[in-house]
Amino acid sequence: MESSERTAALQARMKKIGIQESELIEKFIRGTGSGGQKINKTSSCVFLQHPPSGLEVKVQRERSREMNRHLAREELCQRLENQIAAQALARKQAREKKRRRKRAPSKRAKARNVERKRQHGLKKQNRRKPGID
């Protein structure tokens, strides 16, 4: 895939999620790690912040600033998609929990409850003083 196709695909993905370029805060900072004098002089590390979601991404995988910009946006999209999926899963689990709570107990569950109550009544009956009916 060419870089223009990758860029177009990334833009479409960002639009689908709801990320707009105007919302992003982008900073270029000097990278760290091995690489000698060159890494200490160039600002190829990309710091990307998306204030509406509170997500921050820092990428320094490649030597090229443009490639790091692209990778930072991809990672931001991935994190936001994961966040959205987690929220959707939590909502679904809450609905299921509510549905299970409202569901009527089965015949077997009712029978177990009646048996537990009967056993509890017998236990309490054995605590009474003799001679009282």
N, C-alpha and C. Protein backbone atom coordinates (compact mmCIF):
# COMPACT_ATOMS: atom_id res chain seq x y z
N MET A 1 0.84 -1.18 0.00
CA MET A 1 0.00 0.00 0.00
C MET A 1 0.89 1.24 0.00
N GLU A 2 0.59 2.20 -0.83
CA GLU A 2 1.36 3.44 -0.89
C GLU A 2 1.05 4.31 0.33
N SER A 3 1.93 5.28 0.54
CA SER A 3 1.74 6.15 1.70
C SER A 3 0.46 6.97 1.59
N SER A 4 0.10 7.40 0.36
CA SER A 4 -1.13 8.19 0.20
C SER A 4 -2.36 7.33 0.49
N GLU A 5 -2.30 6.06 0.10
CA GLU A 5 -3.42 5.15 0.40
C GLU A 5 -3.51 4.89 1.90
N ARG A 6 -2.34 4.71 2.53
CA ARG A 6 -2.33 4.49 3.98
C ARG A 6 -2.85 5.71 4.72
N THR A 7 -2.46 6.88 4.25
CA THR A 7 -2.93 8.12 4.87
C THR A 7 -4.44 8.27 4.70
N ALA A 8 -4.95 7.95 3.52
CA ALA A 8 -6.39 8.04 3.27
C ALA A 8 -7.14 7.03 4.15
N ALA A 9 -6.59 5.84 4.27
CA ALA A 9 -7.23 4.82 5.12
C ALA A 9 -7.24 5.26 6.58
N LEU A 10 -6.13 5.86 7.02
CA LEU A 10 -6.05 6.35 8.40
C LEU A 10 -7.04 7.49 8.62
N GLN A 11 -7.16 8.40 7.67
CA GLN A 11 -8.12 9.50 7.79
C GLN A 11 -9.55 8.97 7.88
N ALA A 12 -9.85 7.96 7.07
CA ALA A 12 -11.19 7.36 7.12
C ALA A 12 -11.44 6.70 8.47
N ARG A 13 -10.42 6.02 8.99
CA ARG A 13 -10.55 5.37 10.31
C ARG A 13 -10.77 6.41 11.40
N MET A 14 -10.03 7.52 11.35
CA MET A 14 -10.18 8.58 12.33
C MET A 14 -11.57 9.20 12.25
N LYS A 15 -12.06 9.39 11.03
CA LYS A 15 -13.40 9.96 10.84
C LYS A 15 -14.47 9.03 11.40
N LYS A 16 -14.29 7.72 11.18
CA LYS A 16 -15.25 6.73 11.66
C LYS A 16 -15.32 6.73 13.19
N ILE A 17 -14.17 6.88 13.85
CA ILE A 17 -14.12 6.91 15.31
C ILE A 17 -14.62 8.23 15.86
N GLY A 18 -14.39 9.30 15.11
CA GLY A 18 -14.83 10.62 15.55
C GLY A 18 -13.68 11.51 15.98
N ILE A 19 -12.47 11.22 15.51
CA ILE A 19 -11.31 12.05 15.83
C ILE A 19 -11.13 13.06 14.70
N GLN A 20 -11.01 14.32 15.07
CA GLN A 20 -10.76 15.36 14.08
C GLN A 20 -9.35 15.90 14.28
N GLU A 21 -8.70 16.23 13.19
CA GLU A 21 -7.33 16.76 13.25
C GLU A 21 -7.26 18.01 14.12
N SER A 22 -8.31 18.82 14.11
CA SER A 22 -8.30 20.06 14.88
C SER A 22 -8.32 19.80 16.39
N GLU A 23 -8.78 18.62 16.80
CA GLU A 23 -8.83 18.28 18.23
C GLU A 23 -7.47 17.82 18.76
N LEU A 24 -6.58 17.40 17.87
CA LEU A 24 -5.31 16.82 18.28
C LEU A 24 -4.28 17.89 18.63
N ILE A 25 -3.54 17.63 19.70
CA ILE A 25 -2.41 18.47 20.08
C ILE A 25 -1.16 17.65 19.78
N GLU A 26 -0.34 18.18 18.89
CA GLU A 26 0.84 17.44 18.44
C GLU A 26 2.10 18.20 18.79
N LYS A 27 3.06 17.49 19.41
CA LYS A 27 4.35 18.10 19.75
C LYS A 27 5.46 17.17 19.25
N PHE A 28 6.54 17.78 18.86
CA PHE A 28 7.72 17.02 18.44
C PHE A 28 8.80 17.24 19.48
N ILE A 29 9.28 16.14 20.02
CA ILE A 29 10.28 16.23 21.07
C ILE A 29 11.49 15.38 20.69
N ARG A 30 12.60 15.65 21.34
CA ARG A 30 13.80 14.88 21.06
C ARG A 30 13.63 13.48 21.62
N GLY A 31 14.06 12.53 20.84
CA GLY A 31 13.95 11.14 21.26
C GLY A 31 15.01 10.77 22.27
N THR A 32 14.88 9.56 22.79
CA THR A 32 15.85 9.05 23.75
C THR A 32 16.30 7.67 23.29
N GLY A 33 17.34 7.18 23.91
CA GLY A 33 17.80 5.84 23.61
C GLY A 33 19.05 5.85 22.75
N SER A 34 19.37 4.69 22.21
CA SER A 34 20.59 4.57 21.41
C SER A 34 20.41 5.28 20.08
N GLY A 35 21.50 5.66 19.47
CA GLY A 35 21.45 6.36 18.20
C GLY A 35 22.53 7.42 18.12
N GLY A 36 23.19 7.67 19.21
CA GLY A 36 24.31 8.60 19.20
C GLY A 36 23.89 10.04 19.10
N GLN A 37 24.76 10.81 18.46
CA GLN A 37 24.58 12.25 18.40
C GLN A 37 23.33 12.64 17.61
N LYS A 38 23.01 11.88 16.57
CA LYS A 38 21.88 12.21 15.71
C LYS A 38 20.57 12.25 16.49
N ILE A 39 20.35 11.25 17.35
CA ILE A 39 19.09 11.19 18.11
C ILE A 39 18.98 12.36 19.09
N ASN A 40 20.13 12.86 19.55
CA ASN A 40 20.12 13.96 20.52
C ASN A 40 19.86 15.31 19.85
N LYS A 41 20.02 15.38 18.52
CA LYS A 41 19.87 16.65 17.82
C LYS A 41 18.55 16.79 17.09
N THR A 42 17.90 15.67 16.74
CA THR A 42 16.66 15.76 15.95
C THR A 42 15.44 15.52 16.83
N SER A 43 14.37 16.21 16.49
CA SER A 43 13.10 16.06 17.23
C SER A 43 12.16 15.18 16.40
N SER A 44 12.43 13.90 16.38
CA SER A 44 11.62 12.99 15.57
C SER A 44 10.60 12.22 16.40
N CYS A 45 10.63 12.36 17.70
CA CYS A 45 9.65 11.69 18.57
C CYS A 45 8.36 12.52 18.55
N VAL A 46 7.23 11.83 18.38
CA VAL A 46 5.94 12.52 18.26
C VAL A 46 5.11 12.26 19.51
N PHE A 47 4.63 13.35 20.11
CA PHE A 47 3.73 13.28 21.26
C PHE A 47 2.38 13.78 20.78
N LEU A 48 1.36 12.91 20.87
CA LEU A 48 0.04 13.23 20.35
C LEU A 48 -0.96 13.14 21.50
N GLN A 49 -1.78 14.18 21.65
CA GLN A 49 -2.76 14.23 22.73
C GLN A 49 -4.14 14.49 22.14
N HIS A 50 -5.14 13.75 22.67
CA HIS A 50 -6.53 13.93 22.24
C HIS A 50 -7.33 14.32 23.49
N PRO A 51 -7.46 15.63 23.76
CA PRO A 51 -8.11 16.09 24.99
C PRO A 51 -9.54 15.58 25.22
N PRO A 52 -10.41 15.45 24.20
CA PRO A 52 -11.76 14.97 24.48
C PRO A 52 -11.79 13.59 25.14
N SER A 53 -10.88 12.71 24.76
CA SER A 53 -10.85 11.37 25.34
C SER A 53 -9.83 11.25 26.45
N GLY A 54 -8.90 12.21 26.54
CA GLY A 54 -7.87 12.16 27.56
C GLY A 54 -6.72 11.22 27.22
N LEU A 55 -6.64 10.76 25.99
CA LEU A 55 -5.59 9.83 25.59
C LEU A 55 -4.34 10.58 25.13
N GLU A 56 -3.18 10.01 25.47
CA GLU A 56 -1.90 10.56 25.06
C GLU A 56 -1.06 9.44 24.47
N VAL A 57 -0.34 9.74 23.39
CA VAL A 57 0.50 8.75 22.72
C VAL A 57 1.85 9.38 22.44
N LYS A 58 2.91 8.60 22.68
CA LYS A 58 4.26 9.05 22.39
C LYS A 58 4.92 7.96 21.55
N VAL A 59 5.37 8.31 20.33
CA VAL A 59 5.92 7.32 19.41
C VAL A 59 7.30 7.75 18.92
N GLN A 60 8.22 6.79 18.95
CA GLN A 60 9.58 7.03 18.47
C GLN A 60 10.11 5.74 17.83
N ARG A 61 9.28 5.04 17.10
CA ARG A 61 9.68 3.75 16.52
C ARG A 61 10.58 3.91 15.30
N GLU A 62 10.32 4.95 14.52
CA GLU A 62 11.06 5.13 13.27
C GLU A 62 11.97 6.35 13.36
N ARG A 63 12.87 6.47 12.40
CA ARG A 63 13.77 7.63 12.36
C ARG A 63 13.08 8.84 11.74
N SER A 64 12.08 8.59 10.92
CA SER A 64 11.37 9.65 10.20
C SER A 64 10.26 10.25 11.06
N ARG A 65 10.20 11.56 11.08
CA ARG A 65 9.16 12.25 11.84
C ARG A 65 7.78 11.96 11.24
N GLU A 66 7.69 11.98 9.92
CA GLU A 66 6.41 11.74 9.25
C GLU A 66 5.89 10.33 9.54
N MET A 67 6.78 9.36 9.52
CA MET A 67 6.36 7.99 9.82
C MET A 67 5.89 7.88 11.27
N ASN A 68 6.60 8.55 12.17
CA ASN A 68 6.19 8.54 13.58
C ASN A 68 4.85 9.25 13.77
N ARG A 69 4.58 10.29 13.00
CA ARG A 69 3.29 10.97 13.06
C ARG A 69 2.18 10.01 12.67
N HIS A 70 2.42 9.26 11.58
CA HIS A 70 1.43 8.29 11.10
C HIS A 70 1.22 7.19 12.15
N LEU A 71 2.30 6.67 12.69
CA LEU A 71 2.20 5.60 13.69
C LEU A 71 1.51 6.08 14.97
N ALA A 72 1.76 7.34 15.35
CA ALA A 72 1.11 7.89 16.54
C ALA A 72 -0.40 7.98 16.34
N ARG A 73 -0.82 8.39 15.17
CA ARG A 73 -2.26 8.47 14.88
C ARG A 73 -2.89 7.08 14.85
N GLU A 74 -2.18 6.11 14.29
CA GLU A 74 -2.69 4.74 14.28
C GLU A 74 -2.85 4.21 15.70
N GLU A 75 -1.85 4.46 16.54
CA GLU A 75 -1.92 3.99 17.92
C GLU A 75 -3.03 4.68 18.69
N LEU A 76 -3.21 5.98 18.44
CA LEU A 76 -4.30 6.71 19.08
C LEU A 76 -5.65 6.12 18.68
N CYS A 77 -5.81 5.82 17.38
CA CYS A 77 -7.05 5.20 16.91
C CYS A 77 -7.27 3.85 17.59
N GLN A 78 -6.22 3.06 17.68
CA GLN A 78 -6.34 1.74 18.30
C GLN A 78 -6.75 1.85 19.76
N ARG A 79 -6.12 2.76 20.49
CA ARG A 79 -6.46 2.93 21.92
C ARG A 79 -7.90 3.41 22.09
N LEU A 80 -8.33 4.35 21.23
CA LEU A 80 -9.69 4.87 21.34
C LEU A 80 -10.70 3.79 20.97
N GLU A 81 -10.40 2.97 19.96
CA GLU A 81 -11.29 1.86 19.61
C GLU A 81 -11.39 0.87 20.76
N ASN A 82 -10.27 0.58 21.42
CA ASN A 82 -10.29 -0.33 22.57
C ASN A 82 -11.12 0.26 23.70
N GLN A 83 -10.99 1.56 23.92
CA GLN A 83 -11.75 2.23 24.97
C GLN A 83 -13.25 2.18 24.67
N ILE A 84 -13.61 2.42 23.42
CA ILE A 84 -15.02 2.39 23.02
C ILE A 84 -15.57 0.98 23.16
N ALA A 85 -14.79 -0.02 22.75
CA ALA A 85 -15.22 -1.42 22.85
C ALA A 85 -15.41 -1.83 24.31
N ALA A 86 -14.51 -1.38 25.19
CA ALA A 86 -14.63 -1.70 26.61
C ALA A 86 -15.89 -1.08 27.21
N GLN A 87 -16.19 0.15 26.81
CA GLN A 87 -17.40 0.80 27.31
C GLN A 87 -18.65 0.08 26.82
N ALA A 88 -18.64 -0.33 25.56
CA ALA A 88 -19.79 -1.06 25.00
C ALA A 88 -19.97 -2.39 25.72
N LEU A 89 -18.87 -3.08 26.01
CA LEU A 89 -18.94 -4.35 26.72
C LEU A 89 -19.49 -4.15 28.13
N ALA A 90 -19.06 -3.09 28.80
CA ALA A 90 -19.55 -2.80 30.15
C ALA A 90 -21.05 -2.53 30.13
N ARG A 91 -21.52 -1.77 29.12
CA ARG A 91 -22.96 -1.50 29.01
C ARG A 91 -23.74 -2.80 28.77
N LYS A 92 -23.20 -3.66 27.91
CA LYS A 92 -23.86 -4.92 27.60
C LYS A 92 -23.93 -5.81 28.85
N GLN A 93 -22.82 -5.87 29.60
CA GLN A 93 -22.81 -6.68 30.81
C GLN A 93 -23.79 -6.15 31.85
N ALA A 94 -23.91 -4.82 31.95
CA ALA A 94 -24.86 -4.23 32.89
C ALA A 94 -26.29 -4.59 32.50
N ARG A 95 -26.60 -4.55 31.18
CA ARG A 95 -27.94 -4.94 30.73
C ARG A 95 -28.22 -6.41 31.05
N GLU A 96 -27.24 -7.26 30.78
CA GLU A 96 -27.42 -8.69 31.06
C GLU A 96 -27.62 -8.96 32.54
N LYS A 97 -26.87 -8.26 33.37
CA LYS A 97 -26.99 -8.43 34.82
C LYS A 97 -28.39 -8.02 35.29
N LYS A 98 -28.87 -6.91 34.75
CA LYS A 98 -30.21 -6.42 35.10
C LYS A 98 -31.27 -7.43 34.65
N ARG A 99 -31.09 -7.97 33.45
CA ARG A 99 -32.03 -8.96 32.92
C ARG A 99 -32.04 -10.22 33.79
N ARG A 100 -30.86 -10.68 34.20
CA ARG A 100 -30.79 -11.88 35.05
C ARG A 100 -31.44 -11.65 36.41
N ARG A 101 -31.27 -10.43 36.95
CA ARG A 101 -31.87 -10.12 38.25
C ARG A 101 -33.39 -10.13 38.18
N LYS A 102 -33.95 -9.63 37.07
CA LYS A 102 -35.40 -9.54 36.93
C LYS A 102 -36.05 -10.87 36.57
N ARG A 103 -35.24 -11.81 36.08
CA ARG A 103 -35.77 -13.09 35.63
C ARG A 103 -36.38 -13.87 36.81
N ALA A 104 -37.51 -14.53 36.57
CA ALA A 104 -38.17 -15.33 37.61
C ALA A 104 -37.31 -16.56 37.90
N PRO A 105 -37.24 -17.00 39.15
CA PRO A 105 -36.45 -18.18 39.48
C PRO A 105 -37.06 -19.44 38.86
N SER A 106 -36.21 -20.40 38.54
CA SER A 106 -36.67 -21.66 37.96
C SER A 106 -37.37 -22.51 39.02
N LYS A 107 -38.04 -23.57 38.57
CA LYS A 107 -38.73 -24.47 39.51
C LYS A 107 -37.75 -25.09 40.47
N ARG A 108 -36.59 -25.46 39.96
CA ARG A 108 -35.57 -26.08 40.81
C ARG A 108 -35.07 -25.10 41.87
N ALA A 109 -34.84 -23.82 41.47
CA ALA A 109 -34.39 -22.81 42.41
C ALA A 109 -35.46 -22.56 43.48
N LYS A 110 -36.74 -22.55 43.07
CA LYS A 110 -37.82 -22.37 44.04
C LYS A 110 -37.85 -23.52 45.03
N ALA A 111 -37.68 -24.75 44.52
CA ALA A 111 -37.68 -25.93 45.38
C ALA A 111 -36.52 -25.87 46.38
N ARG A 112 -35.34 -25.44 45.92
CA ARG A 112 -34.18 -25.32 46.82
C ARG A 112 -34.45 -24.29 47.91
N ASN A 113 -35.07 -23.15 47.53
CA ASN A 113 -35.37 -22.12 48.52
C ASN A 113 -36.36 -22.64 49.56
N VAL A 114 -37.38 -23.36 49.11
CA VAL A 114 -38.37 -23.91 50.04
C VAL A 114 -37.70 -24.90 50.99
N GLU A 115 -36.81 -25.72 50.45
CA GLU A 115 -36.09 -26.70 51.28
C GLU A 115 -35.20 -25.99 52.30
N ARG A 116 -34.51 -24.94 51.89
CA ARG A 116 -33.67 -24.17 52.82
C ARG A 116 -34.51 -23.57 53.94
N LYS A 117 -35.68 -23.03 53.58
CA LYS A 117 -36.56 -22.44 54.59
C LYS A 117 -37.05 -23.51 55.56
N ARG A 118 -37.38 -24.67 55.03
CA ARG A 118 -37.84 -25.76 55.89
C ARG A 118 -36.74 -26.18 56.87
N GLN A 119 -35.50 -26.31 56.35
CA GLN A 119 -34.37 -26.69 57.20
C GLN A 119 -34.12 -25.63 58.27
N HIS A 120 -34.21 -24.38 57.90
CA HIS A 120 -34.00 -23.29 58.85
C HIS A 120 -35.08 -23.32 59.94
N GLY A 121 -36.32 -23.59 59.52
CA GLY A 121 -37.41 -23.69 60.49
C GLY A 121 -37.18 -24.83 61.46
N LEU A 122 -36.70 -25.97 60.97
CA LEU A 122 -36.40 -27.11 61.85
C LEU A 122 -35.28 -26.75 62.83
N LYS A 123 -34.28 -26.06 62.35
CA LYS A 123 -33.15 -25.67 63.21
C LYS A 123 -33.65 -24.75 64.32
N LYS A 124 -34.53 -23.81 63.99
CA LYS A 124 -35.07 -22.90 64.99
C LYS A 124 -36.00 -23.64 65.96
N GLN A 125 -36.71 -24.61 65.42
CA GLN A 125 -37.63 -25.38 66.26
C GLN A 125 -36.85 -26.17 67.31
N ASN A 126 -35.67 -26.66 66.96
CA ASN A 126 -34.84 -27.42 67.89
C ASN A 126 -34.26 -26.54 68.99
N ARG A 127 -34.27 -25.25 68.82
CA ARG A 127 -33.75 -24.33 69.85
C ARG A 127 -34.78 -24.03 70.93
N ARG A 128 -36.03 -24.34 70.69
CA ARG A 128 -37.09 -24.03 71.64
C ARG A 128 -36.96 -24.87 72.91
N LYS A 129 -37.58 -24.37 73.94
CA LYS A 129 -37.61 -25.12 75.20
C LYS A 129 -38.53 -26.32 75.04
N PRO A 130 -38.23 -27.41 75.66
CA PRO A 130 -39.11 -28.59 75.56
C PRO A 130 -40.49 -28.32 76.16
N GLY A 131 -41.46 -28.88 75.57
CA GLY A 131 -42.82 -28.77 76.09
C GLY A 131 -43.64 -27.68 75.39
N ILE A 132 -43.01 -26.83 74.61
CA ILE A 132 -43.74 -25.79 73.89
C ILE A 132 -43.96 -26.29 72.48
N ASP A 133 -45.22 -26.24 72.01
CA ASP A 133 -45.52 -26.76 70.67
C ASP A 133 -45.39 -25.69 69.66
